[in-house]
Structures are given as C-alpha cells and as structure tokens.
Amino acid sequence: AWSGAMFTHTKDVPFAATMVWALYFT
C-alpha cells in the first residue's frame, strides 16, 4: 500500500510524505 502505491497515488503518497516530515520536525 506504500511501495506499490507510490507510483500512481499521486495525491495520497505525496501528502503522506509531507505529513511524516511535518511529524519529524514537530
């Protein structure tokens, strides 16, 4: 659901990526 989806889920995976970086800096 991540490594396969990251090619075609062009809204969901980029959003998830930015969210985990926000979590890291939080």
mmCIF file of all heavy atoms, coordinates in Angstrom:
data_MODEL
# 
_entry.id   MODEL 
# 
loop_
_atom_site.group_PDB 
_atom_site.id 
_atom_site.type_symbol 
_atom_site.label_atom_id 
_atom_site.label_alt_id 
_atom_site.label_comp_id 
_atom_site.label_asym_id 
_atom_site.label_entity_id 
_atom_site.label_seq_id 
_atom_site.pdbx_PDB_ins_code 
_atom_site.Cartn_x 
_atom_site.Cartn_y 
_atom_site.Cartn_z 
_atom_site.occupancy 
_atom_site.B_iso_or_equiv 
_atom_site.pdbx_formal_charge 
_atom_site.auth_seq_id 
_atom_site.auth_comp_id 
_atom_site.auth_asym_id 
_atom_site.auth_atom_id 
_atom_site.pdbx_PDB_model_num 
ATOM 1   N N   . ALA A 1 1  ? 0.822  -1.215 0.000   1.00 0.00 ? 1  ALA A N   1 
ATOM 2   C CA  . ALA A 1 1  ? 0.000  0.000  0.000   1.00 0.00 ? 1  ALA A CA  1 
ATOM 3   C C   . ALA A 1 1  ? 0.851  1.259  0.000   1.00 0.00 ? 1  ALA A C   1 
ATOM 4   O O   . ALA A 1 1  ? 0.325  2.362  -0.183  1.00 0.00 ? 1  ALA A O   1 
ATOM 5   C CB  . ALA A 1 1  ? -0.933 0.006  1.218   1.00 0.00 ? 1  ALA A CB  1 
ATOM 6   N N   . TRP A 1 2  ? 2.163  1.107  0.198   1.00 0.00 ? 2  TRP A N   1 
ATOM 7   C CA  . TRP A 1 2  ? 3.083  2.243  0.052   1.00 0.00 ? 2  TRP A CA  1 
ATOM 8   C C   . TRP A 1 2  ? 3.996  2.055  -1.162  1.00 0.00 ? 2  TRP A C   1 
ATOM 9   O O   . TRP A 1 2  ? 3.972  2.856  -2.096  1.00 0.00 ? 2  TRP A O   1 
ATOM 10  C CB  . TRP A 1 2  ? 3.926  2.447  1.314   1.00 0.00 ? 2  TRP A CB  1 
ATOM 11  C CG  . TRP A 1 2  ? 4.793  3.673  1.210   1.00 0.00 ? 2  TRP A CG  1 
ATOM 12  C CD1 . TRP A 1 2  ? 6.026  3.776  0.625   1.00 0.00 ? 2  TRP A CD1 1 
ATOM 13  C CD2 . TRP A 1 2  ? 4.449  4.996  1.634   1.00 0.00 ? 2  TRP A CD2 1 
ATOM 14  N NE1 . TRP A 1 2  ? 6.493  5.065  0.681   1.00 0.00 ? 2  TRP A NE1 1 
ATOM 15  C CE2 . TRP A 1 2  ? 5.535  5.841  1.296   1.00 0.00 ? 2  TRP A CE2 1 
ATOM 16  C CE3 . TRP A 1 2  ? 3.349  5.547  2.278   1.00 0.00 ? 2  TRP A CE3 1 
ATOM 17  C CZ2 . TRP A 1 2  ? 5.541  7.201  1.583   1.00 0.00 ? 2  TRP A CZ2 1 
ATOM 18  C CZ3 . TRP A 1 2  ? 3.347  6.904  2.575   1.00 0.00 ? 2  TRP A CZ3 1 
ATOM 19  C CH2 . TRP A 1 2  ? 4.430  7.715  2.227   1.00 0.00 ? 2  TRP A CH2 1 
ATOM 20  N N   . SER A 1 3  ? 4.792  0.989  -1.152  1.00 0.00 ? 3  SER A N   1 
ATOM 21  C CA  . SER A 1 3  ? 5.811  0.830  -2.194  1.00 0.00 ? 3  SER A CA  1 
ATOM 22  C C   . SER A 1 3  ? 5.203  0.563  -3.559  1.00 0.00 ? 3  SER A C   1 
ATOM 23  O O   . SER A 1 3  ? 5.818  0.884  -4.584  1.00 0.00 ? 3  SER A O   1 
ATOM 24  C CB  . SER A 1 3  ? 6.782  -0.290 -1.814  1.00 0.00 ? 3  SER A CB  1 
ATOM 25  O OG  . SER A 1 3  ? 6.081  -1.499 -1.568  1.00 0.00 ? 3  SER A OG  1 
ATOM 26  N N   . GLY A 1 4  ? 4.004  -0.001 -3.619  1.00 0.00 ? 4  GLY A N   1 
ATOM 27  C CA  . GLY A 1 4  ? 3.323  -0.171 -4.888  1.00 0.00 ? 4  GLY A CA  1 
ATOM 28  C C   . GLY A 1 4  ? 2.492  1.031  -5.252  1.00 0.00 ? 4  GLY A C   1 
ATOM 29  O O   . GLY A 1 4  ? 2.403  1.412  -6.425  1.00 0.00 ? 4  GLY A O   1 
ATOM 30  N N   . ALA A 1 5  ? 1.889  1.639  -4.240  1.00 0.00 ? 5  ALA A N   1 
ATOM 31  C CA  . ALA A 1 5  ? 1.007  2.791  -4.487  1.00 0.00 ? 5  ALA A CA  1 
ATOM 32  C C   . ALA A 1 5  ? 1.772  4.056  -4.820  1.00 0.00 ? 5  ALA A C   1 
ATOM 33  O O   . ALA A 1 5  ? 1.204  4.982  -5.405  1.00 0.00 ? 5  ALA A O   1 
ATOM 34  C CB  . ALA A 1 5  ? 0.132  3.026  -3.249  1.00 0.00 ? 5  ALA A CB  1 
ATOM 35  N N   . MET A 1 6  ? 3.048  4.127  -4.477  1.00 0.00 ? 6  MET A N   1 
ATOM 36  C CA  . MET A 1 6  ? 3.744  5.410  -4.589  1.00 0.00 ? 6  MET A CA  1 
ATOM 37  C C   . MET A 1 6  ? 3.950  5.856  -6.034  1.00 0.00 ? 6  MET A C   1 
ATOM 38  O O   . MET A 1 6  ? 4.326  7.010  -6.277  1.00 0.00 ? 6  MET A O   1 
ATOM 39  C CB  . MET A 1 6  ? 5.087  5.361  -3.852  1.00 0.00 ? 6  MET A CB  1 
ATOM 40  C CG  . MET A 1 6  ? 6.126  4.457  -4.435  1.00 0.00 ? 6  MET A CG  1 
ATOM 41  S SD  . MET A 1 6  ? 7.605  4.483  -3.369  1.00 0.00 ? 6  MET A SD  1 
ATOM 42  C CE  . MET A 1 6  ? 8.735  3.475  -4.341  1.00 0.00 ? 6  MET A CE  1 
ATOM 43  N N   . PHE A 1 7  ? 3.678  4.993  -7.008  1.00 0.00 ? 7  PHE A N   1 
ATOM 44  C CA  . PHE A 1 7  ? 3.790  5.405  -8.409  1.00 0.00 ? 7  PHE A CA  1 
ATOM 45  C C   . PHE A 1 7  ? 2.513  6.076  -8.912  1.00 0.00 ? 7  PHE A C   1 
ATOM 46  O O   . PHE A 1 7  ? 2.581  7.024  -9.693  1.00 0.00 ? 7  PHE A O   1 
ATOM 47  C CB  . PHE A 1 7  ? 4.102  4.202  -9.291  1.00 0.00 ? 7  PHE A CB  1 
ATOM 48  C CG  . PHE A 1 7  ? 5.431  3.571  -9.000  1.00 0.00 ? 7  PHE A CG  1 
ATOM 49  C CD1 . PHE A 1 7  ? 5.528  2.504  -8.119  1.00 0.00 ? 7  PHE A CD1 1 
ATOM 50  C CD2 . PHE A 1 7  ? 6.584  4.044  -9.600  1.00 0.00 ? 7  PHE A CD2 1 
ATOM 51  C CE1 . PHE A 1 7  ? 6.752  1.920  -7.847  1.00 0.00 ? 7  PHE A CE1 1 
ATOM 52  C CE2 . PHE A 1 7  ? 7.812  3.468  -9.336  1.00 0.00 ? 7  PHE A CE2 1 
ATOM 53  C CZ  . PHE A 1 7  ? 7.903  2.410  -8.441  1.00 0.00 ? 7  PHE A CZ  1 
ATOM 54  N N   . THR A 1 8  ? 1.363  5.581  -8.508  1.00 0.00 ? 8  THR A N   1 
ATOM 55  C CA  . THR A 1 8  ? 0.093  6.015  -9.094  1.00 0.00 ? 8  THR A CA  1 
ATOM 56  C C   . THR A 1 8  ? -0.783 6.821  -8.155  1.00 0.00 ? 8  THR A C   1 
ATOM 57  O O   . THR A 1 8  ? -1.707 7.491  -8.612  1.00 0.00 ? 8  THR A O   1 
ATOM 58  C CB  . THR A 1 8  ? -0.703 4.792  -9.569  1.00 0.00 ? 8  THR A CB  1 
ATOM 59  O OG1 . THR A 1 8  ? -0.885 3.889  -8.465  1.00 0.00 ? 8  THR A OG1 1 
ATOM 60  C CG2 . THR A 1 8  ? 0.030  4.064  -10.690 1.00 0.00 ? 8  THR A CG2 1 
ATOM 61  N N   . HIS A 1 9  ? -0.527 6.779  -6.876  1.00 0.00 ? 9  HIS A N   1 
ATOM 62  C CA  . HIS A 1 9  ? -1.333 7.543  -5.915  1.00 0.00 ? 9  HIS A CA  1 
ATOM 63  C C   . HIS A 1 9  ? -0.711 8.931  -5.768  1.00 0.00 ? 9  HIS A C   1 
ATOM 64  O O   . HIS A 1 9  ? -0.094 9.269  -4.757  1.00 0.00 ? 9  HIS A O   1 
ATOM 65  C CB  . HIS A 1 9  ? -1.405 6.812  -4.577  1.00 0.00 ? 9  HIS A CB  1 
ATOM 66  C CG  . HIS A 1 9  ? -2.203 5.537  -4.633  1.00 0.00 ? 9  HIS A CG  1 
ATOM 67  N ND1 . HIS A 1 9  ? -1.993 4.571  -5.579  1.00 0.00 ? 9  HIS A ND1 1 
ATOM 68  C CD2 . HIS A 1 9  ? -3.234 5.086  -3.856  1.00 0.00 ? 9  HIS A CD2 1 
ATOM 69  C CE1 . HIS A 1 9  ? -2.841 3.569  -5.376  1.00 0.00 ? 9  HIS A CE1 1 
ATOM 70  N NE2 . HIS A 1 9  ? -3.607 3.870  -4.360  1.00 0.00 ? 9  HIS A NE2 1 
ATOM 71  N N   . THR A 1 10 ? -0.887 9.725  -6.816  1.00 0.00 ? 10 THR A N   1 
ATOM 72  C CA  . THR A 1 10 ? -0.128 10.959 -6.957  1.00 0.00 ? 10 THR A CA  1 
ATOM 73  C C   . THR A 1 10 ? -0.629 12.087 -6.060  1.00 0.00 ? 10 THR A C   1 
ATOM 74  O O   . THR A 1 10 ? -0.022 13.169 -6.059  1.00 0.00 ? 10 THR A O   1 
ATOM 75  C CB  . THR A 1 10 ? -0.152 11.435 -8.418  1.00 0.00 ? 10 THR A CB  1 
ATOM 76  O OG1 . THR A 1 10 ? -1.513 11.610 -8.834  1.00 0.00 ? 10 THR A OG1 1 
ATOM 77  C CG2 . THR A 1 10 ? 0.509  10.411 -9.321  1.00 0.00 ? 10 THR A CG2 1 
ATOM 78  N N   . LYS A 1 11 ? -1.683 11.882 -5.343  1.00 0.00 ? 11 LYS A N   1 
ATOM 79  C CA  . LYS A 1 11 ? -2.130 12.839 -4.330  1.00 0.00 ? 11 LYS A CA  1 
ATOM 80  C C   . LYS A 1 11 ? -1.858 12.273 -2.942  1.00 0.00 ? 11 LYS A C   1 
ATOM 81  O O   . LYS A 1 11 ? -1.365 12.965 -2.048  1.00 0.00 ? 11 LYS A O   1 
ATOM 82  C CB  . LYS A 1 11 ? -3.620 13.126 -4.501  1.00 0.00 ? 11 LYS A CB  1 
ATOM 83  C CG  . LYS A 1 11 ? -4.162 14.206 -3.574  1.00 0.00 ? 11 LYS A CG  1 
ATOM 84  C CD  . LYS A 1 11 ? -3.828 15.605 -4.053  1.00 0.00 ? 11 LYS A CD  1 
ATOM 85  C CE  . LYS A 1 11 ? -4.547 15.956 -5.319  1.00 0.00 ? 11 LYS A CE  1 
ATOM 86  N NZ  . LYS A 1 11 ? -4.204 17.341 -5.752  1.00 0.00 ? 11 LYS A NZ  1 
ATOM 87  N N   . ASP A 1 12 ? -2.161 10.981 -2.751  1.00 0.00 ? 12 ASP A N   1 
ATOM 88  C CA  . ASP A 1 12 ? -2.116 10.368 -1.425  1.00 0.00 ? 12 ASP A CA  1 
ATOM 89  C C   . ASP A 1 12 ? -0.694 10.195 -0.894  1.00 0.00 ? 12 ASP A C   1 
ATOM 90  O O   . ASP A 1 12 ? -0.413 10.510 0.265   1.00 0.00 ? 12 ASP A O   1 
ATOM 91  C CB  . ASP A 1 12 ? -2.829 9.012  -1.470  1.00 0.00 ? 12 ASP A CB  1 
ATOM 92  C CG  . ASP A 1 12 ? -4.186 9.102  -2.144  1.00 0.00 ? 12 ASP A CG  1 
ATOM 93  O OD1 . ASP A 1 12 ? -5.115 9.623  -1.525  1.00 0.00 ? 12 ASP A OD1 1 
ATOM 94  O OD2 . ASP A 1 12 ? -4.297 8.676  -3.314  1.00 0.00 ? 12 ASP A OD2 1 
ATOM 95  N N   . VAL A 1 13 ? 0.197  9.675  -1.727  1.00 0.00 ? 13 VAL A N   1 
ATOM 96  C CA  . VAL A 1 13 ? 1.559  9.419  -1.255  1.00 0.00 ? 13 VAL A CA  1 
ATOM 97  C C   . VAL A 1 13 ? 2.347  10.713 -1.052  1.00 0.00 ? 13 VAL A C   1 
ATOM 98  O O   . VAL A 1 13 ? 3.026  10.872 -0.021  1.00 0.00 ? 13 VAL A O   1 
ATOM 99  C CB  . VAL A 1 13 ? 2.276  8.442  -2.201  1.00 0.00 ? 13 VAL A CB  1 
ATOM 100 C CG1 . VAL A 1 13 ? 3.778  8.390  -1.903  1.00 0.00 ? 13 VAL A CG1 1 
ATOM 101 C CG2 . VAL A 1 13 ? 1.669  7.047  -2.060  1.00 0.00 ? 13 VAL A CG2 1 
ATOM 102 N N   . PRO A 1 14 ? 2.296  11.685 -1.985  1.00 0.00 ? 14 PRO A N   1 
ATOM 103 C CA  . PRO A 1 14 ? 2.971  12.956 -1.685  1.00 0.00 ? 14 PRO A CA  1 
ATOM 104 C C   . PRO A 1 14 ? 2.441  13.619 -0.410  1.00 0.00 ? 14 PRO A C   1 
ATOM 105 O O   . PRO A 1 14 ? 3.230  14.171 0.368   1.00 0.00 ? 14 PRO A O   1 
ATOM 106 C CB  . PRO A 1 14 ? 2.675  13.805 -2.925  1.00 0.00 ? 14 PRO A CB  1 
ATOM 107 C CG  . PRO A 1 14 ? 2.546  12.812 -4.028  1.00 0.00 ? 14 PRO A CG  1 
ATOM 108 C CD  . PRO A 1 14 ? 1.838  11.649 -3.400  1.00 0.00 ? 14 PRO A CD  1 
ATOM 109 N N   . PHE A 1 15 ? 1.138  13.564 -0.191  1.00 0.00 ? 15 PHE A N   1 
ATOM 110 C CA  . PHE A 1 15 ? 0.588  14.138 1.033   1.00 0.00 ? 15 PHE A CA  1 
ATOM 111 C C   . PHE A 1 15 ? 1.129  13.400 2.256   1.00 0.00 ? 15 PHE A C   1 
ATOM 112 O O   . PHE A 1 15 ? 1.529  14.020 3.250   1.00 0.00 ? 15 PHE A O   1 
ATOM 113 C CB  . PHE A 1 15 ? -0.936 14.075 1.004   1.00 0.00 ? 15 PHE A CB  1 
ATOM 114 C CG  . PHE A 1 15 ? -1.593 14.570 2.266   1.00 0.00 ? 15 PHE A CG  1 
ATOM 115 C CD1 . PHE A 1 15 ? -1.577 15.912 2.597   1.00 0.00 ? 15 PHE A CD1 1 
ATOM 116 C CD2 . PHE A 1 15 ? -2.219 13.684 3.138   1.00 0.00 ? 15 PHE A CD2 1 
ATOM 117 C CE1 . PHE A 1 15 ? -2.172 16.376 3.762   1.00 0.00 ? 15 PHE A CE1 1 
ATOM 118 C CE2 . PHE A 1 15 ? -2.819 14.124 4.302   1.00 0.00 ? 15 PHE A CE2 1 
ATOM 119 C CZ  . PHE A 1 15 ? -2.794 15.471 4.615   1.00 0.00 ? 15 PHE A CZ  1 
ATOM 120 N N   . ALA A 1 16 ? 1.146  12.074 2.201   1.00 0.00 ? 16 ALA A N   1 
ATOM 121 C CA  . ALA A 1 16 ? 1.669  11.294 3.324   1.00 0.00 ? 16 ALA A CA  1 
ATOM 122 C C   . ALA A 1 16 ? 3.133  11.604 3.584   1.00 0.00 ? 16 ALA A C   1 
ATOM 123 O O   . ALA A 1 16 ? 3.579  11.652 4.739   1.00 0.00 ? 16 ALA A O   1 
ATOM 124 C CB  . ALA A 1 16 ? 1.483  9.803  3.045   1.00 0.00 ? 16 ALA A CB  1 
ATOM 125 N N   . ALA A 1 17 ? 3.902  11.832 2.499   1.00 0.00 ? 17 ALA A N   1 
ATOM 126 C CA  . ALA A 1 17 ? 5.321  12.159 2.660   1.00 0.00 ? 17 ALA A CA  1 
ATOM 127 C C   . ALA A 1 17 ? 5.501  13.490 3.379   1.00 0.00 ? 17 ALA A C   1 
ATOM 128 O O   . ALA A 1 17 ? 6.329  13.618 4.296   1.00 0.00 ? 17 ALA A O   1 
ATOM 129 C CB  . ALA A 1 17 ? 6.006  12.184 1.294   1.00 0.00 ? 17 ALA A CB  1 
ATOM 130 N N   . THR A 1 18 ? 4.736  14.498 2.974   1.00 0.00 ? 18 THR A N   1 
ATOM 131 C CA  . THR A 1 18 ? 4.862  15.795 3.640   1.00 0.00 ? 18 THR A CA  1 
ATOM 132 C C   . THR A 1 18 ? 4.393  15.705 5.096   1.00 0.00 ? 18 THR A C   1 
ATOM 133 O O   . THR A 1 18 ? 4.958  16.376 5.969   1.00 0.00 ? 18 THR A O   1 
ATOM 134 C CB  . THR A 1 18 ? 4.055  16.867 2.901   1.00 0.00 ? 18 THR A CB  1 
ATOM 135 O OG1 . THR A 1 18 ? 2.678  16.466 2.815   1.00 0.00 ? 18 THR A OG1 1 
ATOM 136 C CG2 . THR A 1 18 ? 4.592  17.083 1.503   1.00 0.00 ? 18 THR A CG2 1 
ATOM 137 N N   . MET A 1 19 ? 3.404  14.875 5.351   1.00 0.00 ? 19 MET A N   1 
ATOM 138 C CA  . MET A 1 19 ? 2.902  14.743 6.722   1.00 0.00 ? 19 MET A CA  1 
ATOM 139 C C   . MET A 1 19 ? 3.933  14.088 7.644   1.00 0.00 ? 19 MET A C   1 
ATOM 140 O O   . MET A 1 19 ? 4.060  14.474 8.813   1.00 0.00 ? 19 MET A O   1 
ATOM 141 C CB  . MET A 1 19 ? 1.605  13.942 6.720   1.00 0.00 ? 19 MET A CB  1 
ATOM 142 C CG  . MET A 1 19 ? 0.402  14.696 6.154   1.00 0.00 ? 19 MET A CG  1 
ATOM 143 S SD  . MET A 1 19 ? -0.158 16.053 7.211   1.00 0.00 ? 19 MET A SD  1 
ATOM 144 C CE  . MET A 1 19 ? -1.079 15.142 8.449   1.00 0.00 ? 19 MET A CE  1 
ATOM 145 N N   . VAL A 1 20 ? 4.659  13.088 7.147   1.00 0.00 ? 20 VAL A N   1 
ATOM 146 C CA  . VAL A 1 20 ? 5.644  12.460 8.033   1.00 0.00 ? 20 VAL A CA  1 
ATOM 147 C C   . VAL A 1 20 ? 6.818  13.394 8.287   1.00 0.00 ? 20 VAL A C   1 
ATOM 148 O O   . VAL A 1 20 ? 7.406  13.402 9.385   1.00 0.00 ? 20 VAL A O   1 
ATOM 149 C CB  . VAL A 1 20 ? 6.119  11.093 7.477   1.00 0.00 ? 20 VAL A CB  1 
ATOM 150 C CG1 . VAL A 1 20 ? 7.042  11.238 6.284   1.00 0.00 ? 20 VAL A CG1 1 
ATOM 151 C CG2 . VAL A 1 20 ? 6.828  10.297 8.576   1.00 0.00 ? 20 VAL A CG2 1 
ATOM 152 N N   . TRP A 1 21 ? 7.149  14.243 7.314   1.00 0.00 ? 21 TRP A N   1 
ATOM 153 C CA  . TRP A 1 21 ? 8.203  15.229 7.573   1.00 0.00 ? 21 TRP A CA  1 
ATOM 154 C C   . TRP A 1 21 ? 7.714  16.290 8.561   1.00 0.00 ? 21 TRP A C   1 
ATOM 155 O O   . TRP A 1 21 ? 8.487  16.750 9.419   1.00 0.00 ? 21 TRP A O   1 
ATOM 156 C CB  . TRP A 1 21 ? 8.658  15.871 6.266   1.00 0.00 ? 21 TRP A CB  1 
ATOM 157 C CG  . TRP A 1 21 ? 9.651  15.008 5.550   1.00 0.00 ? 21 TRP A CG  1 
ATOM 158 C CD1 . TRP A 1 21 ? 9.404  14.109 4.554   1.00 0.00 ? 21 TRP A CD1 1 
ATOM 159 C CD2 . TRP A 1 21 ? 11.059 14.933 5.813   1.00 0.00 ? 21 TRP A CD2 1 
ATOM 160 N NE1 . TRP A 1 21 ? 10.573 13.484 4.165   1.00 0.00 ? 21 TRP A NE1 1 
ATOM 161 C CE2 . TRP A 1 21 ? 11.603 13.976 4.913   1.00 0.00 ? 21 TRP A CE2 1 
ATOM 162 C CE3 . TRP A 1 21 ? 11.917 15.582 6.692   1.00 0.00 ? 21 TRP A CE3 1 
ATOM 163 C CZ2 . TRP A 1 21 ? 12.962 13.651 4.896   1.00 0.00 ? 21 TRP A CZ2 1 
ATOM 164 C CZ3 . TRP A 1 21 ? 13.268 15.270 6.670   1.00 0.00 ? 21 TRP A CZ3 1 
ATOM 165 C CH2 . TRP A 1 21 ? 13.780 14.319 5.785   1.00 0.00 ? 21 TRP A CH2 1 
ATOM 166 N N   . ALA A 1 22 ? 6.452  16.680 8.469   1.00 0.00 ? 22 ALA A N   1 
ATOM 167 C CA  . ALA A 1 22 ? 5.901  17.591 9.472   1.00 0.00 ? 22 ALA A CA  1 
ATOM 168 C C   . ALA A 1 22 ? 5.953  16.949 10.856  1.00 0.00 ? 22 ALA A C   1 
ATOM 169 O O   . ALA A 1 22 ? 6.269  17.611 11.862  1.00 0.00 ? 22 ALA A O   1 
ATOM 170 C CB  . ALA A 1 22 ? 4.466  17.963 9.111   1.00 0.00 ? 22 ALA A CB  1 
ATOM 171 N N   . LEU A 1 23 ? 5.677  15.652 10.917  1.00 0.00 ? 23 LEU A N   1 
ATOM 172 C CA  . LEU A 1 23 ? 5.727  14.930 12.184  1.00 0.00 ? 23 LEU A CA  1 
ATOM 173 C C   . LEU A 1 23 ? 7.152  14.862 12.724  1.00 0.00 ? 23 LEU A C   1 
ATOM 174 O O   . LEU A 1 23 ? 7.387  15.010 13.934  1.00 0.00 ? 23 LEU A O   1 
ATOM 175 C CB  . LEU A 1 23 ? 5.161  13.527 11.967  1.00 0.00 ? 23 LEU A CB  1 
ATOM 176 C CG  . LEU A 1 23 ? 4.862  12.678 13.183  1.00 0.00 ? 23 LEU A CG  1 
ATOM 177 C CD1 . LEU A 1 23 ? 3.829  13.341 14.079  1.00 0.00 ? 23 LEU A CD1 1 
ATOM 178 C CD2 . LEU A 1 23 ? 4.369  11.295 12.743  1.00 0.00 ? 23 LEU A CD2 1 
ATOM 179 N N   . TYR A 1 24 ? 8.101  14.662 11.830  1.00 0.00 ? 24 TYR A N   1 
ATOM 180 C CA  . TYR A 1 24 ? 9.510  14.604 12.237  1.00 0.00 ? 24 TYR A CA  1 
ATOM 181 C C   . TYR A 1 24 ? 9.946  15.921 12.862  1.00 0.00 ? 24 TYR A C   1 
ATOM 182 O O   . TYR A 1 24 ? 10.549 15.949 13.959  1.00 0.00 ? 24 TYR A O   1 
ATOM 183 C CB  . TYR A 1 24 ? 10.360 14.269 11.010  1.00 0.00 ? 24 TYR A CB  1 
ATOM 184 C CG  . TYR A 1 24 ? 11.852 14.383 11.226  1.00 0.00 ? 24 TYR A CG  1 
ATOM 185 C CD1 . TYR A 1 24 ? 12.532 13.493 12.050  1.00 0.00 ? 24 TYR A CD1 1 
ATOM 186 C CD2 . TYR A 1 24 ? 12.589 15.384 10.590  1.00 0.00 ? 24 TYR A CD2 1 
ATOM 187 C CE1 . TYR A 1 24 ? 13.901 13.599 12.238  1.00 0.00 ? 24 TYR A CE1 1 
ATOM 188 C CE2 . TYR A 1 24 ? 13.958 15.491 10.763  1.00 0.00 ? 24 TYR A CE2 1 
ATOM 189 C CZ  . TYR A 1 24 ? 14.614 14.599 11.596  1.00 0.00 ? 24 TYR A CZ  1 
ATOM 190 O OH  . TYR A 1 24 ? 15.970 14.705 11.788  1.00 0.00 ? 24 TYR A OH  1 
ATOM 191 N N   . PHE A 1 25 ? 9.636  17.031 12.205  1.00 0.00 ? 25 PHE A N   1 
ATOM 192 C CA  . PHE A 1 25 ? 10.064 18.321 12.745  1.00 0.00 ? 25 PHE A CA  1 
ATOM 193 C C   . PHE A 1 25 ? 9.235  18.734 13.959  1.00 0.00 ? 25 PHE A C   1 
ATOM 194 O O   . PHE A 1 25 ? 9.737  19.437 14.849  1.00 0.00 ? 25 PHE A O   1 
ATOM 195 C CB  . PHE A 1 25 ? 10.010 19.385 11.653  1.00 0.00 ? 25 PHE A CB  1 
ATOM 196 C CG  . PHE A 1 25 ? 11.127 19.276 10.666  1.00 0.00 ? 25 PHE A CG  1 
ATOM 197 C CD1 . PHE A 1 25 ? 10.881 18.879 9.354   1.00 0.00 ? 25 PHE A CD1 1 
ATOM 198 C CD2 . PHE A 1 25 ? 12.435 19.534 11.043  1.00 0.00 ? 25 PHE A CD2 1 
ATOM 199 C CE1 . PHE A 1 25 ? 11.923 18.765 8.440   1.00 0.00 ? 25 PHE A CE1 1 
ATOM 200 C CE2 . PHE A 1 25 ? 13.483 19.425 10.139  1.00 0.00 ? 25 PHE A CE2 1 
ATOM 201 C CZ  . PHE A 1 25 ? 13.222 19.023 8.834   1.00 0.00 ? 25 PHE A CZ  1 
ATOM 202 N N   . THR A 1 26 ? 7.981  18.292 14.037  1.00 0.00 ? 26 THR A N   1 
ATOM 203 C CA  . THR A 1 26 ? 7.193  18.520 15.259  1.00 0.00 ? 26 THR A CA  1 
ATOM 204 C C   . THR A 1 26 ? 7.847  17.826 16.439  1.00 0.00 ? 26 THR A C   1 
ATOM 205 O O   . THR A 1 26 ? 7.972  18.394 17.538  1.00 0.00 ? 26 THR A O   1 
ATOM 206 C CB  . THR A 1 26 ? 5.760  17.997 15.063  1.00 0.00 ? 26 THR A CB  1 
ATOM 207 O OG1 . THR A 1 26 ? 5.091  18.797 14.091  1.00 0.00 ? 26 THR A OG1 1 
ATOM 208 C CG2 . THR A 1 26 ? 4.976  18.044 16.367  1.00 0.00 ? 26 THR A CG2 1 
# 
